[in-house]
C-alpha atoms as a PDB file:
ATOM      1  CA  MET A   1      24.823   5.411   1.983  1.00  0.00           C
ATOM      2  CA  ASP A   2      23.167   8.640   1.280  1.00  0.00           C
ATOM      3  CA  ALA A   3      19.958   8.302   2.372  1.00  0.00           C
ATOM      4  CA  ALA A   4      17.193   6.126   0.721  1.00  0.00           C
ATOM      5  CA  ARG A   5      15.729   7.810  -1.748  1.00  0.00           C
ATOM      6  CA  VAL A   6      11.423   6.419  -1.986  1.00  0.00           C
ATOM      7  CA  GLY A   7       9.381   7.812  -5.249  1.00  0.00           C
ATOM      8  CA  VAL A   8       5.602   8.731  -4.339  1.00  0.00           C
ATOM      9  CA  ILE A   9       3.720   8.493  -7.646  1.00  0.00           C
ATOM     10  CA  THR A  10       1.614  11.249  -8.572  1.00  0.00           C
ATOM     11  CA  PHE A  11      -2.038  10.576 -10.909  1.00  0.00           C
ATOM     12  CA  PRO A  12      -4.632  12.799 -11.897  1.00  0.00           C
ATOM     13  CA  GLY A  13      -6.892  12.299  -8.678  1.00  0.00           C
ATOM     14  CA  SER A  14      -4.206  11.516  -5.883  1.00  0.00           C
ATOM     15  CA  LEU A  15      -5.410  13.449  -2.961  1.00  0.00           C
ATOM     16  CA  ASP A  16      -2.153  11.713  -0.484  1.00  0.00           C
ATOM     17  CA  ASP A  17       0.832  11.637  -2.187  1.00  0.00           C
ATOM     18  CA  LYS A  18       1.928  14.788  -0.251  1.00  0.00           C
ATOM     19  CA  ASP A  19       1.098  13.082   3.368  1.00  0.00           C
ATOM     20  CA  ALA A  20       2.765  10.104   1.830  1.00  0.00           C
ATOM     21  CA  ALA A  21       6.046  11.892   0.927  1.00  0.00           C
ATOM     22  CA  ARG A  22       6.000  13.481   4.432  1.00  0.00           C
ATOM     23  CA  ALA A  23       5.659  10.320   5.946  1.00  0.00           C
ATOM     24  CA  VAL A  24       8.654   8.853   4.081  1.00  0.00           C
ATOM     25  CA  ARG A  25      10.412  11.991   5.277  1.00  0.00           C
ATOM     26  CA  LEU A  26       9.869  11.571   9.168  1.00  0.00           C
ATOM     27  CA  ALA A  27      11.294   7.493   8.566  1.00  0.00           C
ATOM     28  CA  GLY A  28      14.506   9.103   7.328  1.00  0.00           C
ATOM     29  CA  ALA A  29      14.535   9.041   3.689  1.00  0.00           C
ATOM     30  CA  GLU A  30      14.495  11.444   1.007  1.00  0.00           C
ATOM     31  CA  PRO A  31      10.978  11.531  -0.815  1.00  0.00           C
ATOM     32  CA  VAL A  32      11.032  11.579  -4.803  1.00  0.00           C
ATOM     33  CA  ALA A  33       7.708  13.187  -6.624  1.00  0.00           C
ATOM     34  CA  LEU A  34       7.569  10.952  -9.350  1.00  0.00           C
ATOM     35  CA  TRP A  35       4.882  11.689 -12.355  1.00  0.00           C
ATOM     36  CA  HIS A  36       2.633   9.221 -14.138  1.00  0.00           C
ATOM     37  CA  GLY A  37       3.286  10.742 -17.365  1.00  0.00           C
ATOM     38  CA  ASP A  38       6.719  10.547 -17.459  1.00  0.00           C
ATOM     39  CA  HIS A  39       9.206   6.939 -17.966  1.00  0.00           C
ATOM     40  CA  ASP A  40      11.593   7.622 -15.404  1.00  0.00           C
ATOM     41  CA  LEU A  41      12.104   6.542 -11.847  1.00  0.00           C
ATOM     42  CA  GLN A  42      14.591   8.779 -11.358  1.00  0.00           C
ATOM     43  CA  GLY A  43      17.188   6.243  -9.788  1.00  0.00           C
ATOM     44  CA  VAL A  44      14.576   5.534  -6.466  1.00  0.00           C
ATOM     45  CA  ASP A  45      14.965   2.906  -3.947  1.00  0.00           C
ATOM     46  CA  ALA A  46      11.835   2.297  -3.570  1.00  0.00           C
ATOM     47  CA  VAL A  47       8.223   3.408  -4.470  1.00  0.00           C
ATOM     48  CA  VAL A  48       4.614   4.426  -2.564  1.00  0.00           C
ATOM     49  CA  LEU A  49       1.464   4.185  -4.885  1.00  0.00           C
ATOM     50  CA  PRO A  50      -0.368   6.852  -2.806  1.00  0.00           C
ATOM     51  CA  GLY A  51      -3.926   6.526  -1.819  1.00  0.00           C
ATOM     52  CA  GLY A  52      -7.068   9.414  -3.487  1.00  0.00           C
ATOM     53  CA  PHE A  53      -9.522   8.533  -6.476  1.00  0.00           C
ATOM     54  CA  SER A  54      -6.951   8.013  -9.819  1.00  0.00           C
ATOM     55  CA  TYR A  55      -8.601   9.703 -12.730  1.00  0.00           C
ATOM     56  CA  GLY A  56     -11.578   9.849 -10.865  1.00  0.00           C
ATOM     57  CA  ASP A  57     -12.168   5.295 -11.003  1.00  0.00           C
ATOM     58  CA  TYR A  58     -14.837   6.335 -13.365  1.00  0.00           C
ATOM     59  CA  LEU A  59     -14.259   2.826 -14.937  1.00  0.00           C
ATOM     60  CA  ARG A  60     -13.266   0.962 -12.226  1.00  0.00           C
ATOM     61  CA  ALA A  61     -10.742   1.927  -9.230  1.00  0.00           C
ATOM     62  CA  GLY A  62      -6.800   1.854 -10.327  1.00  0.00           C
ATOM     63  CA  ALA A  63      -7.801   0.200 -13.872  1.00  0.00           C
ATOM     64  CA  ILE A  64      -6.709   3.255 -15.792  1.00  0.00           C
ATOM     65  CA  ALA A  65      -3.694   4.145 -13.681  1.00  0.00           C
ATOM     66  CA  ARG A  66      -2.428   0.928 -14.518  1.00  0.00           C
ATOM     67  CA  PHE A  67      -1.923   2.407 -18.310  1.00  0.00           C
ATOM     68  CA  ALA A  68       0.392   4.860 -16.665  1.00  0.00           C
ATOM     69  CA  PRO A  69       3.275   5.551 -18.683  1.00  0.00           C
ATOM     70  CA  LEU A  70       5.269   5.082 -15.081  1.00  0.00           C
ATOM     71  CA  MET A  71       3.254   1.785 -14.518  1.00  0.00           C
ATOM     72  CA  VAL A  72       5.969   0.020 -17.552  1.00  0.00           C
ATOM     73  CA  GLU A  73       8.744   0.685 -16.089  1.00  0.00           C
ATOM     74  CA  LEU A  74       7.777   0.602 -12.482  1.00  0.00           C
ATOM     75  CA  VAL A  75       5.896  -3.399 -13.152  1.00  0.00           C
ATOM     76  CA  ALA A  76       9.193  -4.377 -14.867  1.00  0.00           C
ATOM     77  CA  ALA A  77      11.345  -2.601 -11.457  1.00  0.00           C
ATOM     78  CA  ALA A  78       8.788  -4.691  -8.901  1.00  0.00           C
ATOM     79  CA  LYS A  79       9.176  -7.385 -10.690  1.00  0.00           C
ATOM     80  CA  ALA A  80      12.637  -7.472 -10.496  1.00  0.00           C
ATOM     81  CA  GLY A  81      13.122  -6.666  -6.944  1.00  0.00           C
ATOM     82  CA  LEU A  82      12.054  -3.187  -6.430  1.00  0.00           C
ATOM     83  CA  PRO A  83      10.168  -2.473  -2.857  1.00  0.00           C
ATOM     84  CA  VAL A  84       6.635  -0.802  -3.914  1.00  0.00           C
ATOM     85  CA  LEU A  85       4.080   0.081  -1.436  1.00  0.00           C
ATOM     86  CA  GLY A  86       0.035   0.358  -2.971  1.00  0.00           C
ATOM     87  CA  ILE A  87      -2.190   2.594  -0.377  1.00  0.00           C
ATOM     88  CA  CYS A  88      -5.536   2.572  -0.451  1.00  0.00           C
ATOM     89  CA  ASN A  89      -5.948   3.312  -4.559  1.00  0.00           C
ATOM     90  CA  GLY A  90      -2.442   2.286  -4.759  1.00  0.00           C
ATOM     91  CA  PHE A  91      -3.401  -1.269  -3.579  1.00  0.00           C
ATOM     92  CA  GLN A  92      -6.164  -1.379  -6.828  1.00  0.00           C
ATOM     93  CA  VAL A  93      -3.375   0.019  -9.008  1.00  0.00           C
ATOM     94  CA  LEU A  94      -0.851  -3.012  -8.228  1.00  0.00           C
ATOM     95  CA  CYS A  95      -4.291  -5.691  -8.383  1.00  0.00           C
ATOM     96  CA  GLU A  96      -5.220  -4.149 -11.847  1.00  0.00           C
ATOM     97  CA  SER A  97      -1.301  -3.919 -12.879  1.00  0.00           C
ATOM     98  CA  HIS A  98      -1.389  -7.728 -12.081  1.00  0.00           C
ATOM     99  CA  LEU A  99       1.672  -7.352  -9.606  1.00  0.00           C
ATOM    100  CA  LEU A 100      -1.003  -8.576  -6.839  1.00  0.00           C
ATOM    101  CA  PRO A 101      -3.479 -11.049  -7.306  1.00  0.00           C
ATOM    102  CA  GLY A 102      -7.339 -10.610  -6.354  1.00  0.00           C
ATOM    103  CA  ALA A 103      -9.320  -7.160  -7.089  1.00  0.00           C
ATOM    104  CA  LEU A 104     -10.999  -4.431  -4.747  1.00  0.00           C
ATOM    105  CA  LEU A 105     -14.550  -4.065  -5.133  1.00  0.00           C
ATOM    106  CA  PRO A 106     -17.328  -1.612  -4.142  1.00  0.00           C
ATOM    107  CA  ASN A 107     -17.360  -1.988  -0.324  1.00  0.00           C
ATOM    108  CA  ALA A 108     -19.935  -3.626   0.994  1.00  0.00           C
ATOM    109  CA  GLY A 109     -23.437  -1.613   1.405  1.00  0.00           C
ATOM    110  CA  LEU A 110     -22.254   0.660  -1.069  1.00  0.00           C
ATOM    111  CA  HIS A 111     -21.342   3.593   1.653  1.00  0.00           C
ATOM    112  CA  PHE A 112     -17.784   5.175   1.664  1.00  0.00           C
ATOM    113  CA  VAL A 113     -16.013   4.253   4.831  1.00  0.00           C
ATOM    114  CA  CYS A 114     -13.787   6.346   7.129  1.00  0.00           C
ATOM    115  CA  ARG A 115     -12.874   5.338  10.252  1.00  0.00           C
ATOM    116  CA  ASP A 116      -9.732   4.468  13.133  1.00  0.00           C
ATOM    117  CA  GLN A 117      -9.432   0.787  12.194  1.00  0.00           C
ATOM    118  CA  ARG A 118      -7.509  -1.747  14.183  1.00  0.00           C
ATOM    119  CA  LEU A 119      -5.180  -4.087  12.849  1.00  0.00           C
ATOM    120  CA  SER A 120      -3.759  -7.015  13.082  1.00  0.00           C
ATOM    121  CA  VAL A 121       0.093  -7.392  11.262  1.00  0.00           C
ATOM    122  CA  GLU A 122      -0.277 -11.101   9.941  1.00  0.00           C
ATOM    123  CA  ASN A 123       3.398 -11.142   8.010  1.00  0.00           C
ATOM    124  CA  ALA A 124       6.329  -9.411   9.494  1.00  0.00           C
ATOM    125  CA  ASP A 125       9.231 -10.350   7.223  1.00  0.00           C
ATOM    126  CA  THR A 126       7.527  -8.018   4.364  1.00  0.00           C
ATOM    127  CA  ALA A 127      10.209  -5.051   3.059  1.00  0.00           C
ATOM    128  CA  TRP A 128       7.572  -2.895   4.486  1.00  0.00           C
ATOM    129  CA  THR A 129       6.620  -4.468   7.442  1.00  0.00           C
ATOM    130  CA  THR A 130      10.004  -5.776   9.369  1.00  0.00           C
ATOM    131  CA  GLU A 131       9.813  -2.707  11.744  1.00  0.00           C
ATOM    132  CA  TYR A 132       6.480  -5.194  13.769  1.00  0.00           C
ATOM    133  CA  ARG A 133       6.245  -8.198  15.036  1.00  0.00           C
ATOM    134  CA  GLU A 134       3.980 -10.809  14.293  1.00  0.00           C
ATOM    135  CA  GLY A 135       0.559 -10.547  15.763  1.00  0.00           C
ATOM    136  CA  GLN A 136       0.974  -6.917  16.680  1.00  0.00           C
ATOM    137  CA  GLU A 137      -2.196  -5.077  16.627  1.00  0.00           C
ATOM    138  CA  LEU A 138      -2.315  -1.278  15.095  1.00  0.00           C
ATOM    139  CA  VAL A 139      -4.513   1.670  14.573  1.00  0.00           C
ATOM    140  CA  ILE A 140      -4.561   3.330  11.585  1.00  0.00           C
ATOM    141  CA  PRO A 141      -7.090   5.043   9.213  1.00  0.00           C
ATOM    142  CA  ILE A 142      -9.158   3.895   6.527  1.00  0.00           C
ATOM    143  CA  LYS A 143     -10.968   5.823   4.048  1.00  0.00           C
ATOM    144  CA  ASN A 144     -11.895   4.109   0.939  1.00  0.00           C
ATOM    145  CA  VAL A 145     -15.528   3.295  -1.080  1.00  0.00           C
ATOM    146  CA  ASP A 146     -13.758   0.170  -3.086  1.00  0.00           C
ATOM    147  CA  GLY A 147     -11.760  -1.309  -0.607  1.00  0.00           C
ATOM    148  CA  ARG A 148     -13.587  -5.239  -0.792  1.00  0.00           C
ATOM    149  CA  TYR A 149     -10.940  -7.224  -1.224  1.00  0.00           C
ATOM    150  CA  VAL A 150     -11.844 -10.368  -3.195  1.00  0.00           C
ATOM    151  CA  ALA A 151     -10.177 -13.293  -5.190  1.00  0.00           C
ATOM    152  CA  ASP A 152     -10.877 -16.908  -5.879  1.00  0.00           C
ATOM    153  CA  ARG A 153     -10.390 -19.585  -3.483  1.00  0.00           C
ATOM    154  CA  GLU A 154      -7.655 -21.145  -4.633  1.00  0.00           C
ATOM    155  CA  THR A 155      -5.843 -17.437  -4.445  1.00  0.00           C
ATOM    156  CA  LEU A 156      -6.819 -17.180  -1.111  1.00  0.00           C
ATOM    157  CA  ALA A 157      -5.767 -20.505   0.100  1.00  0.00           C
ATOM    158  CA  GLU A 158      -2.469 -20.072  -1.702  1.00  0.00           C
ATOM    159  CA  LEU A 159      -2.108 -16.338   0.037  1.00  0.00           C
ATOM    160  CA  ALA A 160      -3.025 -17.497   3.733  1.00  0.00           C
ATOM    161  CA  GLY A 161      -1.147 -21.040   3.312  1.00  0.00           C
ATOM    162  CA  SER A 162       2.270 -18.802   1.777  1.00  0.00           C
ATOM    163  CA  GLY A 163       2.002 -16.122   4.522  1.00  0.00           C
ATOM    164  CA  ARG A 164       1.248 -13.708   2.137  1.00  0.00           C
ATOM    165  CA  ILE A 165      -1.654 -11.791   4.131  1.00  0.00           C
ATOM    166  CA  VAL A 166       0.171  -9.147   5.313  1.00  0.00           C
ATOM    167  CA  ALA A 167      -2.761  -7.708   7.457  1.00  0.00           C
ATOM    168  CA  ARG A 168      -6.240  -8.472   8.702  1.00  0.00           C
ATOM    169  CA  TYR A 169      -9.311  -6.524  10.011  1.00  0.00           C
ATOM    170  CA  LEU A 170      -9.738  -6.832  13.623  1.00  0.00           C
ATOM    171  CA  ASP A 171     -13.259  -6.105  15.999  1.00  0.00           C
ATOM    172  CA  LEU A 172     -15.096  -5.441  12.369  1.00  0.00           C
ATOM    173  CA  ASN A 173     -14.723  -5.498   8.977  1.00  0.00           C
ATOM    174  CA  PRO A 174     -15.301  -2.322   7.300  1.00  0.00           C
ATOM    175  CA  ASN A 175     -15.761  -3.401   4.039  1.00  0.00           C
ATOM    176  CA  GLY A 176     -16.993  -7.066   3.329  1.00  0.00           C
ATOM    177  CA  SER A 177     -12.878  -7.725   2.321  1.00  0.00           C
ATOM    178  CA  LEU A 178     -13.020 -11.683   2.042  1.00  0.00           C
ATOM    179  CA  ASP A 179     -10.755 -13.348   5.108  1.00  0.00           C
ATOM    180  CA  ASP A 180     -10.596  -9.998   6.740  1.00  0.00           C
ATOM    181  CA  ILE A 181      -7.805  -9.071   4.679  1.00  0.00           C
ATOM    182  CA  ALA A 182      -6.724  -5.659   4.880  1.00  0.00           C
ATOM    183  CA  GLY A 183      -3.176  -6.101   2.869  1.00  0.00           C
ATOM    184  CA  ILE A 184      -1.268  -8.390   0.699  1.00  0.00           C
ATOM    185  CA  CYS A 185       2.281  -9.050  -0.502  1.00  0.00           C
ATOM    186  CA  ASN A 186       3.331 -10.953  -3.425  1.00  0.00           C
ATOM    187  CA  GLU A 187       5.577 -13.840  -3.117  1.00  0.00           C
ATOM    188  CA  ALA A 188       8.757 -12.174  -2.874  1.00  0.00           C
ATOM    189  CA  GLY A 189       7.657  -9.694  -0.189  1.00  0.00           C
ATOM    190  CA  ASN A 190       8.649  -6.613  -2.059  1.00  0.00           C
ATOM    191  CA  VAL A 191       5.251  -5.152  -3.368  1.00  0.00           C
ATOM    192  CA  VAL A 192       2.990  -4.982  -0.728  1.00  0.00           C
ATOM    193  CA  GLY A 193      -0.726  -3.657  -0.933  1.00  0.00           C
ATOM    194  CA  LEU A 194      -2.577  -2.409   1.868  1.00  0.00           C
ATOM    195  CA  MET A 195      -6.044  -0.853   2.060  1.00  0.00           C
ATOM    196  CA  PRO A 196      -5.708   1.488   5.461  1.00  0.00           C
ATOM    197  CA  HIS A 197      -3.663   4.265   5.478  1.00  0.00           C
ATOM    198  CA  PRO A 198      -0.434   4.498   7.605  1.00  0.00           C
ATOM    199  CA  GLU A 199       0.845   7.891   5.890  1.00  0.00           C
ATOM    200  CA  HIS A 200      -1.782   9.350   8.087  1.00  0.00           C
ATOM    201  CA  ALA A 201      -1.121   7.924  11.334  1.00  0.00           C
ATOM    202  CA  VAL A 202       2.843   8.838  11.739  1.00  0.00           C
ATOM    203  CA  GLU A 203       2.861  11.604  14.378  1.00  0.00           C
ATOM    204  CA  SER A 204       0.247  11.978  17.361  1.00  0.00           C
ATOM    205  CA  LEU A 205      -0.712  15.513  16.763  1.00  0.00           C
ATOM    206  CA  THR A 206      -2.348  14.723  13.526  1.00  0.00           C
ATOM    207  CA  GLY A 207      -3.399  10.865  13.831  1.00  0.00           C
ATOM    208  CA  PRO A 208      -4.737   8.257  16.062  1.00  0.00           C
ATOM    209  CA  SER A 209      -1.652   7.322  16.593  1.00  0.00           C
ATOM    210  CA  THR A 210       1.881   6.832  15.250  1.00  0.00           C
ATOM    211  CA  ASP A 211       1.235   2.679  14.394  1.00  0.00           C
ATOM    212  CA  GLY A 212       1.494   3.501  10.506  1.00  0.00           C
ATOM    213  CA  LEU A 213       5.182   4.953  10.337  1.00  0.00           C
ATOM    214  CA  GLY A 214       6.527   1.328  10.680  1.00  0.00           C
ATOM    215  CA  PHE A 215       5.944   0.880   7.499  1.00  0.00           C
ATOM    216  CA  PHE A 216       8.281   3.272   6.197  1.00  0.00           C
ATOM    217  CA  THR A 217      10.650   2.953   8.917  1.00  0.00           C
ATOM    218  CA  SER A 218      11.053  -0.666   7.825  1.00  0.00           C
ATOM    219  CA  ILE A 219      12.116  -0.009   3.952  1.00  0.00           C
ATOM    220  CA  VAL A 220      14.540   2.694   5.445  1.00  0.00           C
ATOM    221  CA  LYS A 221      16.252   0.543   7.301  1.00  0.00           C
ATOM    222  CA  ARG A 222      16.159  -2.574   4.539  1.00  0.00           C
ATOM    223  CA  LEU A 223      17.448  -0.356   2.226  1.00  0.00           C
ATOM    224  CA  VAL A 224      20.569   1.410   4.768  1.00  0.00           C
ATOM    225  CA  ASN A 225      21.219  -2.303   5.547  1.00  0.00           C
ATOM    226  CA  ALA A 226      21.216  -4.012   2.109  1.00  0.00           C
END
């Protein structure tokens, strides 16, 4: 097949859409710019919701972006199986859109956190993690002020019991997320939300590692072999 086409949505306040598009290109796919105000996913094979501060996060992180016209199309497509990766603010948007359970609240201590973070891959079977192995340790940057993942006890137990925790923080918990959760997926494994920024760890020249590239090569290989 031709090169996979991976859409990257830009919202007002998106900061990392160009970085996400570059990561997609480095992984061997064609990045497709998508605008939040459109109703057309342009036939893409997968979608990335990048990091940033959509609408300035004035109400609640991701709460306004979930009502963007393109999100109507994305929610329906994701429920039908379209692979979707939400990074940082994108993770928040996925939770606000109810594609993923739980919520992202202000960090414990209420400070912005920016650091190179060690992670453990907990689920290597999602559409975005097949290039990793379970238990593999990664170093990927994290930068957020609303990164504390929370959910009720029943949801946390279901996530853990069904293997839907995709990544956990190692060494320290930078934002107070329950169960050290850094990323989760939906039941089908096609929708993944991740608080760390893999698009900032795809080249040794600019990142602390190239550990983040596997999220993008995973989906490319999945699409090419589909």
